Amino acid sequence: MLWSMSKSSIAVAQLQKDYQRLRGSLAQIGYISQGSVVDRSKLKPPRSGYQWTRKVKAKTITVALSQCEFDALAQAIANERELNQIIRQMEQISRRILFTNRTQPAQRKPLRQKGLGLI
């Protein structure tokens, strides 16, 4: 049956496979958090302690952390960044699938990759 499939249907099948792989990777992400953490001992001049900073209603909130909290939040922030990257990839794949083999009205100009947010 593979010989009867068009190039676009093979491409869509690969995109669907990639999408499923990304869906599976979402399940592997642990705790998530927004913001950023700072090990103040690495600043110039060095200071003591750790900080977590995030935005809440356009205001910057800073919280002092223990080393254990710092380590946990650093991982949660990295997880959130990975989550956002996966979601961006899933959006692009979704648009590629949705607009593949789409019939366009004669009066509409063809959609470009930039218009679809693919580049």
C-alpha atoms as a PDB file:
ATOM      1  CA  MET A   1       0.000   0.000   0.000  1.00  0.00           C
ATOM      2  CA  LEU A   2       2.916   2.319   0.563  1.00  0.00           C
ATOM      3  CA  TRP A   3       3.483   2.576  -3.192  1.00  0.00           C
ATOM      4  CA  SER A   4      -0.022   4.021  -3.664  1.00  0.00           C
ATOM      5  CA  MET A   5       0.399   6.795  -1.080  1.00  0.00           C
ATOM      6  CA  SER A   6       1.209  10.273  -2.332  1.00  0.00           C
ATOM      7  CA  LYS A   7       4.178  12.262  -1.066  1.00  0.00           C
ATOM      8  CA  SER A   8       1.885  14.560   0.891  1.00  0.00           C
ATOM      9  CA  SER A   9       0.137  11.682   2.677  1.00  0.00           C
ATOM     10  CA  ILE A  10       3.531  10.188   3.589  1.00  0.00           C
ATOM     11  CA  ALA A  11       4.598  13.610   4.883  1.00  0.00           C
ATOM     12  CA  VAL A  12       1.398  13.913   6.919  1.00  0.00           C
ATOM     13  CA  ALA A  13       1.923  10.422   8.351  1.00  0.00           C
ATOM     14  CA  GLN A  14       5.431  11.426   9.461  1.00  0.00           C
ATOM     15  CA  LEU A  15       4.109  14.666  10.954  1.00  0.00           C
ATOM     16  CA  GLN A  16       1.459  12.719  12.869  1.00  0.00           C
ATOM     17  CA  LYS A  17       4.151  10.370  14.158  1.00  0.00           C
ATOM     18  CA  ASP A  18       6.240  13.369  15.292  1.00  0.00           C
ATOM     19  CA  TYR A  19       3.174  14.870  16.963  1.00  0.00           C
ATOM     20  CA  GLN A  20       2.498  11.646  18.879  1.00  0.00           C
ATOM     21  CA  ARG A  21       6.138  11.534  20.007  1.00  0.00           C
ATOM     22  CA  LEU A  22       5.817  15.097  21.345  1.00  0.00           C
ATOM     23  CA  ARG A  23       2.556  14.188  23.119  1.00  0.00           C
ATOM     24  CA  GLY A  24       4.389  11.363  24.833  1.00  0.00           C
ATOM     25  CA  SER A  25       7.187  13.664  25.942  1.00  0.00           C
ATOM     26  CA  LEU A  26       4.623  15.948  27.614  1.00  0.00           C
ATOM     27  CA  ALA A  27       3.785  13.121  30.012  1.00  0.00           C
ATOM     28  CA  GLN A  28       7.438  12.895  31.060  1.00  0.00           C
ATOM     29  CA  ILE A  29       7.718  16.514  32.241  1.00  0.00           C
ATOM     30  CA  GLY A  30       7.795  16.946  36.003  1.00  0.00           C
ATOM     31  CA  TYR A  31       6.752  19.940  38.057  1.00  0.00           C
ATOM     32  CA  ILE A  32       6.706  23.299  36.288  1.00  0.00           C
ATOM     33  CA  SER A  33       7.131  26.894  37.412  1.00  0.00           C
ATOM     34  CA  GLN A  34       7.502  30.310  35.867  1.00  0.00           C
ATOM     35  CA  GLY A  35      10.221  32.749  36.756  1.00  0.00           C
ATOM     36  CA  SER A  36      13.950  32.515  37.238  1.00  0.00           C
ATOM     37  CA  VAL A  37      16.298  31.581  40.051  1.00  0.00           C
ATOM     38  CA  VAL A  38      19.604  33.148  40.997  1.00  0.00           C
ATOM     39  CA  ASP A  39      22.487  31.773  43.017  1.00  0.00           C
ATOM     40  CA  ARG A  40      23.595  35.053  44.562  1.00  0.00           C
ATOM     41  CA  SER A  41      27.048  33.678  45.470  1.00  0.00           C
ATOM     42  CA  LYS A  42      27.961  33.826  41.760  1.00  0.00           C
ATOM     43  CA  LEU A  43      27.178  37.535  41.425  1.00  0.00           C
ATOM     44  CA  LYS A  44      29.834  40.242  41.391  1.00  0.00           C
ATOM     45  CA  PRO A  45      30.283  41.085  44.245  1.00  0.00           C
ATOM     46  CA  PRO A  46      29.210  37.746  45.736  1.00  0.00           C
ATOM     47  CA  ARG A  47      26.264  37.703  48.124  1.00  0.00           C
ATOM     48  CA  SER A  48      24.705  34.959  50.165  1.00  0.00           C
ATOM     49  CA  GLY A  49      21.578  32.972  49.414  1.00  0.00           C
ATOM     50  CA  TYR A  50      19.314  32.109  46.535  1.00  0.00           C
ATOM     51  CA  GLN A  51      16.410  33.975  44.940  1.00  0.00           C
ATOM     52  CA  TRP A  52      13.367  33.170  42.847  1.00  0.00           C
ATOM     53  CA  THR A  53      11.879  35.992  40.793  1.00  0.00           C
ATOM     54  CA  ARG A  54       8.646  36.024  38.823  1.00  0.00           C
ATOM     55  CA  LYS A  55       6.026  38.459  37.509  1.00  0.00           C
ATOM     56  CA  VAL A  56       2.586  38.657  39.099  1.00  0.00           C
ATOM     57  CA  LYS A  57       0.120  41.203  37.661  1.00  0.00           C
ATOM     58  CA  ALA A  58       2.966  43.220  36.076  1.00  0.00           C
ATOM     59  CA  LYS A  59       4.847  43.358  39.394  1.00  0.00           C
ATOM     60  CA  THR A  60       8.126  41.575  40.085  1.00  0.00           C
ATOM     61  CA  ILE A  61       7.968  39.270  43.094  1.00  0.00           C
ATOM     62  CA  THR A  62      11.214  38.046  44.654  1.00  0.00           C
ATOM     63  CA  VAL A  63      11.417  35.233  47.191  1.00  0.00           C
ATOM     64  CA  ALA A  64      14.449  34.116  49.204  1.00  0.00           C
ATOM     65  CA  LEU A  65      15.125  30.384  48.894  1.00  0.00           C
ATOM     66  CA  SER A  66      17.034  27.641  50.637  1.00  0.00           C
ATOM     67  CA  GLN A  67      19.441  25.606  48.517  1.00  0.00           C
ATOM     68  CA  CYS A  68      16.975  22.712  48.388  1.00  0.00           C
ATOM     69  CA  GLU A  69      14.190  25.036  47.199  1.00  0.00           C
ATOM     70  CA  PHE A  70      16.587  26.624  44.710  1.00  0.00           C
ATOM     71  CA  ASP A  71      17.457  23.221  43.200  1.00  0.00           C
ATOM     72  CA  ALA A  72      13.796  22.169  42.973  1.00  0.00           C
ATOM     73  CA  LEU A  73      12.668  25.461  41.408  1.00  0.00           C
ATOM     74  CA  ALA A  74      15.584  25.496  38.959  1.00  0.00           C
ATOM     75  CA  GLN A  75      14.411  22.097  37.680  1.00  0.00           C
ATOM     76  CA  ALA A  76      10.756  23.207  37.569  1.00  0.00           C
ATOM     77  CA  ILE A  77      11.703  26.309  35.557  1.00  0.00           C
ATOM     78  CA  ALA A  78      13.756  24.201  33.139  1.00  0.00           C
ATOM     79  CA  ASN A  79      10.755  21.858  32.801  1.00  0.00           C
ATOM     80  CA  GLU A  80       8.460  24.777  32.003  1.00  0.00           C
ATOM     81  CA  ARG A  81      10.815  26.012  29.289  1.00  0.00           C
ATOM     82  CA  GLU A  82      10.919  22.512  27.802  1.00  0.00           C
ATOM     83  CA  LEU A  83       7.114  22.359  27.969  1.00  0.00           C
ATOM     84  CA  ASN A  84       6.821  25.646  26.077  1.00  0.00           C
ATOM     85  CA  GLN A  85       9.244  24.441  23.415  1.00  0.00           C
ATOM     86  CA  ILE A  86       7.294  21.207  22.952  1.00  0.00           C
ATOM     87  CA  ILE A  87       4.023  23.112  22.665  1.00  0.00           C
ATOM     88  CA  ARG A  88       5.513  25.436  20.014  1.00  0.00           C
ATOM     89  CA  GLN A  89       6.650  22.387  18.015  1.00  0.00           C
ATOM     90  CA  MET A  90       3.212  20.795  18.368  1.00  0.00           C
ATOM     91  CA  GLU A  91       1.555  23.998  17.121  1.00  0.00           C
ATOM     92  CA  GLN A  92       3.767  24.084  14.035  1.00  0.00           C
ATOM     93  CA  ILE A  93       3.130  20.418  13.260  1.00  0.00           C
ATOM     94  CA  SER A  94      -0.605  20.940  13.771  1.00  0.00           C
ATOM     95  CA  ARG A  95      -0.649  23.820  11.283  1.00  0.00           C
ATOM     96  CA  ARG A  96       1.339  21.809   8.757  1.00  0.00           C
ATOM     97  CA  ILE A  97      -1.146  18.944   9.013  1.00  0.00           C
ATOM     98  CA  LEU A  98      -4.203  21.205   8.962  1.00  0.00           C
ATOM     99  CA  PHE A  99      -3.069  23.110   5.883  1.00  0.00           C
ATOM    100  CA  THR A 100      -1.697  20.147   3.885  1.00  0.00           C
ATOM    101  CA  ASN A 101      -3.845  19.297   0.864  1.00  0.00           C
ATOM    102  CA  ARG A 102      -6.193  22.134   1.730  1.00  0.00           C
ATOM    103  CA  THR A 103      -8.213  23.424  -1.171  1.00  0.00           C
ATOM    104  CA  GLN A 104      -7.891  27.165  -1.471  1.00  0.00           C
ATOM    105  CA  PRO A 105     -10.467  29.444  -3.033  1.00  0.00           C
ATOM    106  CA  ALA A 106      -9.321  30.944  -6.339  1.00  0.00           C
ATOM    107  CA  GLN A 107      -9.426  34.503  -5.004  1.00  0.00           C
ATOM    108  CA  ARG A 108      -7.181  33.743  -2.023  1.00  0.00           C
ATOM    109  CA  LYS A 109      -3.435  33.964  -2.432  1.00  0.00           C
ATOM    110  CA  PRO A 110      -1.548  30.833  -1.369  1.00  0.00           C
ATOM    111  CA  LEU A 111      -0.523  30.599   2.267  1.00  0.00           C
ATOM    112  CA  ARG A 112       3.211  30.848   2.827  1.00  0.00           C
ATOM    113  CA  GLN A 113       5.265  29.210   5.575  1.00  0.00           C
ATOM    114  CA  LYS A 114       5.812  32.588   7.249  1.00  0.00           C
ATOM    115  CA  GLY A 115       2.057  33.224   7.337  1.00  0.00           C
ATOM    116  CA  LEU A 116       1.534  29.871   9.015  1.00  0.00           C
ATOM    117  CA  GLY A 117       4.249  30.625  11.587  1.00  0.00           C
ATOM    118  CA  LEU A 118       6.433  27.763  10.385  1.00  0.00           C
ATOM    119  CA  ILE A 119       9.576  29.827   9.919  1.00  0.00           C
END
